[in-house]
Amino acid sequence: MDQSKTPYFQALLNYVDAGVIPFHTPGHIQGTGMAASFREFVGDNICAIDLTPMPGLDDLLQPTDSVKEAQELAALAYGADRTFFLINGSTSGNQCMMMTAVNPGDKIAVPRNSHKSMLGGLVMSGAFPIYMQPEVDEDLHMDHCVTPETVTQTLEAHPDLVAVYLVTPTYYGVAADLAEIARIVHDAGKLLLVDEAWGPHFHFHDELPLSATAAGADLCINSTHKMLSAFSQCAMLHQTGSRVRVDRLAAVIKMFLSTSPNLPMVASLDVARKQMATQGEELLSRTIALARDARARINRIDGLFSFGEEHKGRPGIFDIDPTKVVVTVRGLGYTGYEVSELLRRRYNIQVELADLFNVVALFTIGTTSTAAGRLVAALEEISHGERPVDMFAPSGILEQRLHRGSFRLPKTPPMRMLPRDAFLAQTEFVAFRKSKGRVCAETIAPYPPGIPVVAPGEEITDETLSYLRLELKAGVRIQGPYDDQLRKIRVVKE
């Protein structure tokens, strides 16, 4: 197949060039009915291809023509047997994988540092989660990946598992030993599902970690919008091998996808695939070089540290994605949240992620050397500025908590009910400070990165309460609960 072709994008252009007189959705009719101020900003061309599936434009739910060809080209580019375009991000991809692989009551092994969309998949499927503990880095205050040893132990302890679900790479760019884990899982006769949302570029450069499709994952997802050039919300779901019921997968995808997909988004997936298949190595080589140079310069700034490939081989760190530049700012006396705010307010720079210790800057094929230089210069200037009250000094509240142990990432709380049962149960609100011992009915996840501290069905413990208070004090944004300030929390009614 010719990877220089963009069959779906071309189908949209052909429709526009044909001058069809539309009496169909969307109601703005290729921009003619759109508010002038918005149309003037976004431009005529994007309005012209904002269409709906019509004859000649194929159907994302039942592709037979240009969508089918575009997805086949993507499968070939990624080394998959089948690829499906998604227009609701990897969130829908995670849920599609779960709904395909497991039934109510089936056991599935999942790492605790999974994105909250994994919990949505558990609620929808009714599966029974067996949580695997990823390796914890107390120095950097982050979870890394699950190891092959942990997967083996989990399979031995739960031989009735149906599937193993992994997150690799993490939000911080750490990758698991995917080839060895795939061998272990498949030798046990189980399915391997991989959330590779942050690795859509891996398959196109040999200096990046092994891709999930190359490792033989049965199902995996890529957020094509995160690191490549597709529009926001665009993702792909890849299937390889013969272990997955393809009819079940196709039925699930039809259930989750909109019957009115955004066609410019679909076209952007088609074009992003072409770009990687034909220019990926060149574009990514430049990106990797920029990121490595920035990391080296940041590591010469007093008080800052950016871990890299020298960390390979540490627990849970089989490989590193160099395009995720993680900057540990604890040595400046700031939290990551404070540095993120300083970068935005003083220097008009927005990083992808901030947590208590770190900020994460994404280097993608769209990052310029000028932008990279401004980031490094801003961090250097911040390091030379007047320091805040040092929250990490021996007398500071965060350092005191660290020594008492309450600053560490909390352990997985006891699971008292299945996530689905707790989510659908009769519930009530109680004061957060008085919720110890109750069964949580909602997901509580500092965002980003969106990793749940408490999930539906889990008991609220002293440790989780203490940790969430600390995160709130540091300025984190909580996503998932009805009350995002955590003054009250939804629990299962007793």
Protein backbone atom coordinates (compact mmCIF):
# COMPACT_ATOMS: atom_id res chain seq x y z
CA MET A 1 0.00 0.00 0.00
CA ASP A 2 1.15 3.53 -0.76
CA GLN A 3 1.82 5.36 2.53
CA SER A 4 2.00 8.70 0.72
CA LYS A 5 -1.75 8.52 0.07
CA THR A 6 -4.39 10.08 2.35
CA PRO A 7 -7.58 8.43 1.07
CA TYR A 8 -9.98 9.86 3.61
CA PHE A 9 -8.67 13.42 3.47
CA GLN A 10 -8.85 13.19 -0.32
CA ALA A 11 -12.48 12.03 -0.15
CA LEU A 12 -13.38 15.17 1.80
CA LEU A 13 -11.56 17.37 -0.72
CA ASN A 14 -13.35 15.62 -3.59
CA TYR A 15 -16.73 16.30 -1.97
CA VAL A 16 -15.91 20.00 -1.58
CA ASP A 17 -14.54 20.28 -5.12
CA ALA A 18 -17.70 18.66 -6.50
CA GLY A 19 -19.76 21.65 -5.34
CA VAL A 20 -22.50 19.52 -3.77
CA ILE A 21 -25.52 21.57 -2.62
CA PRO A 22 -26.01 20.34 0.98
CA PHE A 23 -29.35 19.76 2.65
CA HIS A 24 -27.83 17.78 5.53
CA THR A 25 -26.05 18.23 8.84
CA PRO A 26 -24.12 20.01 10.24
CA GLY A 27 -26.43 22.98 10.37
CA HIS A 28 -23.82 25.61 9.59
CA ILE A 29 -23.76 24.20 5.97
CA GLN A 30 -20.00 24.35 5.31
CA GLY A 31 -19.74 27.64 7.17
CA THR A 32 -22.45 29.66 5.43
CA GLY A 33 -24.62 29.67 8.56
CA MET A 34 -21.80 30.05 11.04
CA ALA A 35 -21.29 33.13 13.20
CA ALA A 36 -19.01 35.41 11.23
CA SER A 37 -16.52 36.01 14.06
CA PHE A 38 -15.91 32.28 14.52
CA ARG A 39 -15.73 31.53 10.81
CA GLU A 40 -13.31 34.40 10.26
CA PHE A 41 -11.00 32.95 12.91
CA VAL A 42 -11.10 29.26 11.94
CA GLY A 43 -11.20 29.85 8.19
CA ASP A 44 -13.35 28.72 5.28
CA ASN A 45 -11.52 25.47 4.54
CA ILE A 46 -12.09 23.81 7.89
CA CYS A 47 -15.76 24.76 7.67
CA ALA A 48 -16.00 23.29 4.17
CA ILE A 49 -14.82 19.83 5.27
CA ASP A 50 -16.86 19.78 8.49
CA LEU A 51 -19.32 17.37 6.96
CA THR A 52 -21.24 14.29 7.98
CA PRO A 53 -20.98 10.74 6.56
CA MET A 54 -22.61 10.88 3.14
CA PRO A 55 -22.26 8.84 -0.04
CA GLY A 56 -18.64 9.25 -1.09
CA LEU A 57 -17.48 10.03 2.45
CA ASP A 58 -17.75 6.50 3.85
CA ASP A 59 -18.91 5.64 7.38
CA LEU A 60 -16.59 5.36 10.37
CA LEU A 61 -18.93 2.80 11.98
CA GLN A 62 -19.20 0.57 8.90
CA PRO A 63 -16.29 1.51 6.62
CA THR A 64 -16.21 0.14 3.10
CA ASP A 65 -14.27 2.72 1.10
CA SER A 66 -11.96 5.62 2.01
CA VAL A 67 -12.15 5.10 5.81
CA LYS A 68 -11.43 1.41 5.32
CA GLU A 69 -8.39 2.19 3.18
CA ALA A 70 -7.15 4.85 5.62
CA GLN A 71 -7.41 2.42 8.54
CA GLU A 72 -5.65 -0.31 6.55
CA LEU A 73 -2.80 2.09 5.80
CA ALA A 74 -2.57 2.91 9.50
CA ALA A 75 -2.51 -0.77 10.45
CA LEU A 76 0.32 -1.37 7.99
CA ALA A 77 2.25 1.65 9.27
CA TYR A 78 1.95 0.53 12.90
CA GLY A 79 2.50 -3.18 12.29
CA ALA A 80 -1.02 -4.13 13.39
CA ASP A 81 -3.51 -6.51 11.85
CA ARG A 82 -6.34 -4.01 12.22
CA THR A 83 -6.52 -0.36 13.22
CA PHE A 84 -9.61 1.59 14.21
CA PHE A 85 -9.81 5.40 14.24
CA LEU A 86 -11.19 6.91 17.46
CA ILE A 87 -12.56 10.42 17.84
CA ASN A 88 -13.08 10.43 21.62
CA GLY A 89 -9.45 9.98 22.59
CA SER A 90 -7.75 7.07 24.31
CA THR A 91 -10.44 7.30 26.96
CA SER A 92 -12.85 5.56 24.59
CA GLY A 93 -10.04 3.24 23.50
CA ASN A 94 -9.43 2.04 27.05
CA GLN A 95 -13.12 1.39 27.48
CA CYS A 96 -13.36 -0.42 24.14
CA MET A 97 -10.44 -2.68 25.06
CA MET A 98 -12.04 -3.57 28.41
CA MET A 99 -15.46 -4.21 26.92
CA THR A 100 -13.90 -6.43 24.23
CA ALA A 101 -11.65 -8.50 26.48
CA VAL A 102 -13.65 -9.15 29.65
CA ASN A 103 -17.18 -9.93 30.82
CA PRO A 104 -18.87 -9.20 34.17
CA GLY A 105 -16.98 -10.98 36.94
CA ASP A 106 -13.91 -11.77 34.82
CA LYS A 107 -10.62 -10.98 36.52
CA ILE A 108 -8.24 -8.56 34.83
CA ALA A 109 -4.84 -7.48 36.18
CA VAL A 110 -4.36 -3.70 36.07
CA PRO A 111 -1.59 -1.42 37.39
CA ARG A 112 -2.61 1.03 40.05
CA ASN A 113 -1.18 3.96 38.13
CA SER A 114 -3.70 3.55 35.31
CA HIS A 115 -5.58 6.51 33.90
CA LYS A 116 -9.07 7.03 35.31
CA SER A 117 -10.57 5.94 31.97
CA MET A 118 -9.50 2.41 32.89
CA LEU A 119 -11.90 2.61 35.83
CA GLY A 120 -14.63 3.66 33.42
CA GLY A 121 -13.91 0.46 31.50
CA LEU A 122 -14.18 -1.57 34.71
CA VAL A 123 -17.51 0.05 35.57
CA MET A 124 -18.91 -0.61 32.10
CA SER A 125 -17.62 -4.17 31.78
CA GLY A 126 -18.26 -5.29 35.35
CA ALA A 127 -14.83 -6.90 35.48
CA PHE A 128 -13.02 -7.73 38.71
CA PRO A 129 -9.73 -5.76 38.96
CA ILE A 130 -6.60 -7.37 40.40
CA TYR A 131 -4.34 -4.42 41.09
CA MET A 132 -0.62 -4.71 40.34
CA GLN A 133 1.75 -2.42 42.21
CA PRO A 134 4.01 -0.42 39.89
CA GLU A 135 7.51 0.39 41.08
CA VAL A 136 7.50 3.51 43.27
CA ASP A 137 10.25 6.15 43.04
CA GLU A 138 10.20 7.97 46.36
CA ASP A 139 12.98 10.37 45.30
CA LEU A 140 11.07 11.66 42.28
CA HIS A 141 7.65 11.07 43.89
CA MET A 142 6.20 9.09 41.00
CA ASP A 143 5.14 5.61 40.00
CA HIS A 144 7.03 3.89 37.21
CA CYS A 145 6.02 0.71 35.39
CA VAL A 146 4.97 -2.77 36.42
CA THR A 147 7.85 -5.26 36.08
CA PRO A 148 7.80 -8.70 34.45
CA GLU A 149 8.33 -10.19 37.91
CA THR A 150 5.18 -8.50 39.20
CA VAL A 151 3.18 -9.76 36.21
CA THR A 152 4.45 -13.29 36.80
CA GLN A 153 3.56 -13.16 40.49
CA THR A 154 0.10 -11.84 39.68
CA LEU A 155 -0.56 -14.60 37.16
CA GLU A 156 0.63 -17.24 39.61
CA ALA A 157 -1.58 -15.87 42.37
CA HIS A 158 -4.60 -15.54 40.07
CA PRO A 159 -4.49 -18.25 37.40
CA ASP A 160 -8.11 -17.48 36.50
CA LEU A 161 -7.17 -14.07 35.12
CA VAL A 162 -8.56 -13.41 31.66
CA ALA A 163 -6.34 -10.47 30.67
CA VAL A 164 -3.46 -8.26 31.75
CA TYR A 165 -3.68 -4.52 31.18
CA LEU A 166 -0.55 -2.34 31.19
CA VAL A 167 0.28 1.35 31.07
CA THR A 168 3.47 1.98 29.13
CA PRO A 169 4.85 4.55 28.72
CA THR A 170 3.83 6.47 31.81
CA TYR A 171 2.98 10.16 31.73
CA TYR A 172 6.62 10.72 32.71
CA GLY A 173 7.99 8.81 29.71
CA VAL A 174 9.04 5.59 31.46
CA ALA A 175 8.50 2.37 29.48
CA ALA A 176 8.07 -1.22 30.67
CA ASP A 177 9.84 -4.36 29.44
CA LEU A 178 6.98 -4.94 27.08
CA ALA A 179 8.48 -7.75 25.03
CA GLU A 180 9.16 -9.89 28.11
CA ILE A 181 5.76 -9.13 29.63
CA ALA A 182 4.04 -10.04 26.35
CA ARG A 183 5.88 -13.38 26.37
CA ILE A 184 4.84 -14.08 29.97
CA VAL A 185 1.21 -13.14 29.39
CA HIS A 186 0.83 -15.08 26.15
CA ASP A 187 2.62 -18.15 27.54
CA ALA A 188 -0.06 -18.12 30.26
CA GLY A 189 -2.79 -18.00 27.61
CA LYS A 190 -4.02 -14.53 28.58
CA LEU A 191 -4.77 -11.38 26.59
CA LEU A 192 -2.44 -8.38 26.78
CA LEU A 193 -4.01 -4.93 26.59
CA VAL A 194 -1.73 -1.88 26.52
CA ASP A 195 -2.52 1.75 27.20
CA GLU A 196 0.17 3.26 24.97
CA ALA A 197 -1.57 6.62 24.82
CA TRP A 198 1.72 8.46 25.30
CA GLY A 199 3.65 6.39 22.76
CA PRO A 200 2.08 6.93 19.30
CA HIS A 201 5.54 7.85 17.99
CA PHE A 202 7.43 4.79 19.29
CA HIS A 203 6.93 2.67 16.18
CA PHE A 204 8.64 5.18 13.92
CA HIS A 205 12.10 5.60 15.45
CA ASP A 206 14.63 3.05 16.70
CA GLU A 207 15.87 5.34 19.49
CA LEU A 208 12.44 5.20 21.13
CA PRO A 209 11.06 2.34 23.26
CA LEU A 210 9.60 -0.74 21.61
CA SER A 211 6.02 -0.14 20.47
CA ALA A 212 3.13 -2.23 21.76
CA THR A 213 2.31 -3.51 18.28
CA ALA A 214 5.92 -4.59 17.73
CA ALA A 215 5.83 -6.38 21.09
CA GLY A 216 2.71 -8.29 20.03
CA ALA A 217 0.09 -6.75 22.31
CA ASP A 218 -3.35 -8.11 21.47
CA LEU A 219 -4.94 -4.67 21.77
CA CYS A 220 -3.34 -1.27 22.32
CA ILE A 221 -4.30 2.36 22.07
CA ASN A 222 -2.36 5.41 20.87
CA SER A 223 -3.34 9.02 21.51
CA THR A 224 -2.37 10.28 18.09
CA HIS A 225 -3.13 13.83 19.21
CA LYS A 226 -0.74 13.76 22.19
CA MET A 227 2.64 13.47 20.48
CA LEU A 228 1.81 13.56 16.76
CA SER A 229 -0.11 16.01 14.57
CA ALA A 230 -3.73 14.83 14.67
CA PHE A 231 -6.42 17.05 16.16
CA SER A 232 -7.25 16.83 19.88
CA GLN A 233 -9.34 13.77 20.83
CA CYS A 234 -7.90 11.75 17.95
CA ALA A 235 -6.62 8.28 18.78
CA MET A 236 -6.16 4.82 17.29
CA LEU A 237 -6.88 1.33 18.56
CA HIS A 238 -4.65 -1.42 17.15
CA GLN A 239 -5.32 -5.18 17.17
CA THR A 240 -2.75 -7.87 16.46
CA GLY A 241 -2.80 -11.66 16.48
CA SER A 242 -5.67 -14.14 16.67
CA ARG A 243 -6.50 -14.09 20.39
CA VAL A 244 -9.09 -11.30 20.30
CA ARG A 245 -12.59 -11.91 18.97
CA VAL A 246 -12.64 -9.40 16.14
CA ASP A 247 -16.45 -9.54 15.84
CA ARG A 248 -16.77 -8.56 19.50
CA LEU A 249 -14.22 -5.75 19.05
CA ALA A 250 -16.07 -4.36 16.01
CA ALA A 251 -19.40 -4.48 17.85
CA VAL A 252 -17.96 -2.64 20.86
CA ILE A 253 -16.42 0.07 18.70
CA LYS A 254 -19.75 0.62 16.95
CA MET A 255 -21.38 0.99 20.35
CA PHE A 256 -18.87 3.59 21.57
CA LEU A 257 -18.31 5.72 18.46
CA SER A 258 -20.61 8.57 17.51
CA THR A 259 -22.83 8.17 14.47
CA SER A 260 -21.90 11.78 13.68
CA PRO A 261 -18.10 11.80 13.94
CA ASN A 262 -16.15 14.97 13.35
CA LEU A 263 -14.80 14.35 9.86
CA PRO A 264 -11.90 16.84 10.00
CA MET A 265 -10.70 14.87 13.03
CA VAL A 266 -10.88 11.62 11.07
CA ALA A 267 -8.99 13.24 8.20
CA SER A 268 -6.31 14.49 10.60
CA LEU A 269 -5.70 10.90 11.70
CA ASP A 270 -5.24 9.92 8.06
CA VAL A 271 -2.73 12.74 7.47
CA ALA A 272 -0.86 12.17 10.77
CA ARG A 273 -0.33 8.53 9.74
CA LYS A 274 1.05 9.59 6.37
CA GLN A 275 3.39 12.05 8.05
CA MET A 276 4.83 9.40 10.36
CA ALA A 277 5.04 6.71 7.69
CA THR A 278 6.88 8.96 5.23
CA GLN A 279 8.75 11.46 7.44
CA GLY A 280 8.62 10.00 10.93
CA GLU A 281 12.29 9.10 11.36
CA GLU A 282 13.47 12.51 10.18
CA LEU A 283 10.98 14.50 12.27
CA LEU A 284 11.51 12.41 15.40
CA SER A 285 15.32 12.52 15.10
CA ARG A 286 15.13 16.29 15.28
CA THR A 287 12.70 16.16 18.21
CA ILE A 288 14.85 13.70 20.18
CA ALA A 289 17.95 15.83 19.62
CA LEU A 290 16.15 18.96 20.83
CA ALA A 291 14.91 17.20 23.95
CA ARG A 292 18.29 15.70 24.82
CA ASP A 293 19.98 19.07 24.40
CA ALA A 294 17.40 20.78 26.62
CA ARG A 295 17.75 18.05 29.28
CA ALA A 296 21.53 18.45 29.33
CA ARG A 297 21.25 22.24 29.70
CA ILE A 298 18.63 21.93 32.45
CA ASN A 299 20.90 19.56 34.38
CA ARG A 300 23.54 22.29 34.48
CA ILE A 301 21.15 24.60 36.39
CA ASP A 302 21.59 24.56 40.19
CA GLY A 303 18.58 23.10 41.98
CA LEU A 304 17.12 21.33 38.95
CA PHE A 305 17.35 17.75 37.76
CA SER A 306 15.97 16.03 34.66
CA PHE A 307 16.31 12.25 34.68
CA GLY A 308 17.10 10.49 31.44
CA GLU A 309 18.52 7.36 29.93
CA GLU A 310 21.01 6.93 32.78
CA HIS A 311 18.02 5.72 34.84
CA LYS A 312 17.44 2.70 32.59
CA GLY A 313 17.62 -0.50 34.59
CA ARG A 314 16.24 0.95 37.79
CA PRO A 315 13.13 -0.76 39.18
CA GLY A 316 10.22 -0.20 36.80
CA ILE A 317 12.38 1.69 34.27
CA PHE A 318 13.18 -0.61 31.35
CA ASP A 319 13.39 2.22 28.83
CA ILE A 320 12.97 6.00 28.59
CA ASP A 321 11.16 8.18 26.08
CA PRO A 322 13.59 11.12 25.68
CA THR A 323 10.85 13.40 24.33
CA LYS A 324 9.27 13.71 27.82
CA VAL A 325 11.47 16.21 29.67
CA VAL A 326 10.72 15.76 33.36
CA VAL A 327 12.19 18.53 35.52
CA THR A 328 12.44 17.87 39.27
CA VAL A 329 12.22 21.28 40.97
CA ARG A 330 12.37 20.29 44.63
CA GLY A 331 15.93 21.64 44.89
CA LEU A 332 14.61 25.16 44.26
CA GLY A 333 12.24 24.99 47.23
CA TYR A 334 9.24 25.17 44.93
CA THR A 335 6.54 22.65 44.21
CA GLY A 336 5.97 21.68 40.61
CA TYR A 337 2.64 23.49 40.74
CA GLU A 338 4.40 26.73 41.67
CA VAL A 339 6.99 26.44 38.91
CA SER A 340 4.25 25.69 36.39
CA GLU A 341 2.43 28.85 37.47
CA LEU A 342 5.63 30.93 37.31
CA LEU A 343 6.38 29.67 33.81
CA ARG A 344 2.91 30.63 32.63
CA ARG A 345 2.55 34.00 34.37
CA ARG A 346 6.07 35.35 33.93
CA TYR A 347 7.23 33.70 30.71
CA ASN A 348 4.02 32.72 28.88
CA ILE A 349 5.16 29.08 28.82
CA GLN A 350 2.70 26.26 29.57
CA VAL A 351 4.02 22.84 30.54
CA GLU A 352 2.01 19.63 30.13
CA LEU A 353 2.04 18.44 33.73
CA ALA A 354 2.91 19.61 37.22
CA ASP A 355 2.96 17.60 40.44
CA LEU A 356 4.42 18.14 43.89
CA PHE A 357 8.02 17.62 42.80
CA ASN A 358 8.09 17.95 39.01
CA VAL A 359 7.02 19.66 35.84
CA VAL A 360 6.86 17.81 32.52
CA ALA A 361 7.53 19.51 29.17
CA LEU A 362 6.57 17.59 26.03
CA PHE A 363 8.94 17.83 23.08
CA THR A 364 7.01 16.86 19.95
CA ILE A 365 7.45 17.17 16.20
CA GLY A 366 5.97 20.67 16.58
CA THR A 367 8.52 21.90 19.14
CA THR A 368 10.95 24.49 17.83
CA SER A 369 14.51 25.18 18.93
CA THR A 370 13.41 28.72 19.84
CA ALA A 371 10.72 27.40 22.16
CA ALA A 372 13.14 24.95 23.75
CA GLY A 373 15.64 27.76 24.36
CA ARG A 374 12.97 29.91 26.00
CA LEU A 375 12.00 27.09 28.34
CA VAL A 376 15.58 26.51 29.48
CA ALA A 377 16.21 30.24 29.87
CA ALA A 378 13.04 30.65 31.94
CA LEU A 379 13.99 27.78 34.25
CA GLU A 380 17.46 29.25 34.72
CA GLU A 381 16.02 32.65 35.58
CA ILE A 382 13.61 31.08 38.06
CA SER A 383 16.53 29.26 39.70
CA HIS A 384 18.34 32.57 40.23
CA GLY A 385 15.32 34.43 41.56
CA GLU A 386 14.24 35.05 45.10
CA ARG A 387 13.31 31.75 46.69
CA PRO A 388 9.92 31.22 48.30
CA VAL A 389 9.41 30.04 51.84
CA ASP A 390 11.09 26.68 51.38
CA MET A 391 8.41 24.03 51.76
CA PHE A 392 11.14 21.39 51.50
CA ALA A 393 13.41 22.83 54.21
CA PRO A 394 13.61 20.81 57.47
CA SER A 395 11.06 23.13 59.08
CA GLY A 396 8.72 23.14 56.08
CA ILE A 397 5.38 21.34 56.10
CA LEU A 398 6.20 19.13 53.12
CA GLU A 399 9.54 18.04 54.56
CA GLN A 400 7.93 17.28 57.91
CA ARG A 401 5.33 15.16 56.15
CA LEU A 402 8.07 13.44 54.16
CA HIS A 403 9.89 12.41 57.33
CA ARG A 404 6.66 11.20 58.93
CA GLY A 405 5.92 9.08 55.88
CA SER A 406 2.59 10.75 55.07
CA PHE A 407 4.10 12.46 52.04
CA ARG A 408 4.59 9.23 50.14
CA LEU A 409 2.30 8.00 47.43
CA PRO A 410 -0.47 6.15 49.28
CA LYS A 411 -0.95 2.41 49.09
CA THR A 412 -3.88 0.97 47.16
CA PRO A 413 -6.89 1.11 49.50
CA PRO A 414 -8.76 -2.11 50.32
CA MET A 415 -11.39 -2.98 47.69
CA ARG A 416 -14.76 -3.62 49.38
CA MET A 417 -16.95 -3.75 46.26
CA LEU A 418 -16.48 -4.12 42.51
CA PRO A 419 -16.13 -0.71 40.82
CA ARG A 420 -19.36 -1.28 38.85
CA ASP A 421 -21.35 -2.28 41.95
CA ALA A 422 -20.15 0.73 43.94
CA PHE A 423 -20.77 3.16 41.09
CA LEU A 424 -24.35 1.91 40.61
CA ALA A 425 -25.16 1.50 44.32
CA GLN A 426 -27.37 3.76 46.42
CA THR A 427 -25.11 6.57 47.56
CA GLU A 428 -24.97 9.58 49.85
CA PHE A 429 -22.64 12.50 50.47
CA VAL A 430 -20.59 12.75 53.64
CA ALA A 431 -18.05 15.33 54.79
CA PHE A 432 -14.64 14.46 53.40
CA ARG A 433 -12.99 14.80 56.80
CA LYS A 434 -15.43 12.26 58.25
CA SER A 435 -15.31 9.74 55.41
CA LYS A 436 -12.73 7.33 56.87
CA GLY A 437 -13.92 3.74 56.60
CA ARG A 438 -16.65 4.44 54.04
CA VAL A 439 -16.77 2.84 50.59
CA CYS A 440 -16.07 5.41 47.88
CA ALA A 441 -18.56 5.62 45.00
CA GLU A 442 -16.59 7.99 42.74
CA THR A 443 -13.12 8.38 41.29
CA ILE A 444 -10.73 10.80 42.98
CA ALA A 445 -7.72 11.60 40.82
CA PRO A 446 -5.27 14.53 40.95
CA TYR A 447 -5.16 15.81 37.37
CA PRO A 448 -2.88 15.72 35.58
CA PRO A 449 -1.83 12.89 35.51
CA GLY A 450 -5.32 11.54 36.24
CA ILE A 451 -4.23 8.51 38.28
CA PRO A 452 -6.87 7.61 40.89
CA VAL A 453 -5.96 7.82 44.56
CA VAL A 454 -9.33 6.29 45.45
CA ALA A 455 -11.57 4.35 43.06
CA PRO A 456 -15.22 3.30 43.26
CA GLY A 457 -15.56 0.34 45.61
CA GLU A 458 -12.48 1.15 47.69
CA GLU A 459 -12.39 1.98 51.39
CA ILE A 460 -11.35 5.51 52.31
CA THR A 461 -8.36 5.25 54.65
CA ASP A 462 -6.40 7.64 56.89
CA GLU A 463 -3.50 7.42 54.44
CA THR A 464 -5.56 8.49 51.44
CA LEU A 465 -7.25 11.29 53.40
CA SER A 466 -3.87 12.63 54.54
CA TYR A 467 -2.38 12.46 51.06
CA LEU A 468 -5.33 14.18 49.39
CA ARG A 469 -5.25 16.99 51.98
CA LEU A 470 -1.58 17.51 51.14
CA GLU A 471 -2.26 17.61 47.41
CA LEU A 472 -5.07 20.11 47.92
CA LYS A 473 -2.81 22.30 50.08
CA ALA A 474 -0.17 22.24 47.35
CA GLY A 475 -2.73 23.44 44.78
CA VAL A 476 -3.55 20.32 42.82
CA ARG A 477 -6.71 20.10 40.71
CA ILE A 478 -8.85 17.10 41.60
CA GLN A 479 -10.81 15.43 38.80
CA GLY A 480 -13.53 12.84 39.12
CA PRO A 481 -15.57 13.64 42.23
CA TYR A 482 -18.76 15.68 42.13
CA ASP A 483 -17.19 18.17 44.57
CA ASP A 484 -13.77 18.92 43.10
CA GLN A 485 -12.79 20.79 46.29
CA LEU A 486 -13.38 17.60 48.31
CA ARG A 487 -15.48 19.26 50.95
CA LYS A 488 -17.81 16.30 50.59
CA ILE A 489 -17.51 12.92 48.93
CA ARG A 490 -20.00 10.44 47.48
CA VAL A 491 -19.97 7.11 49.28
CA VAL A 492 -22.04 3.92 49.21
CA LYS A 493 -25.05 4.29 51.46
CA GLU A 494 -24.88 2.09 54.55
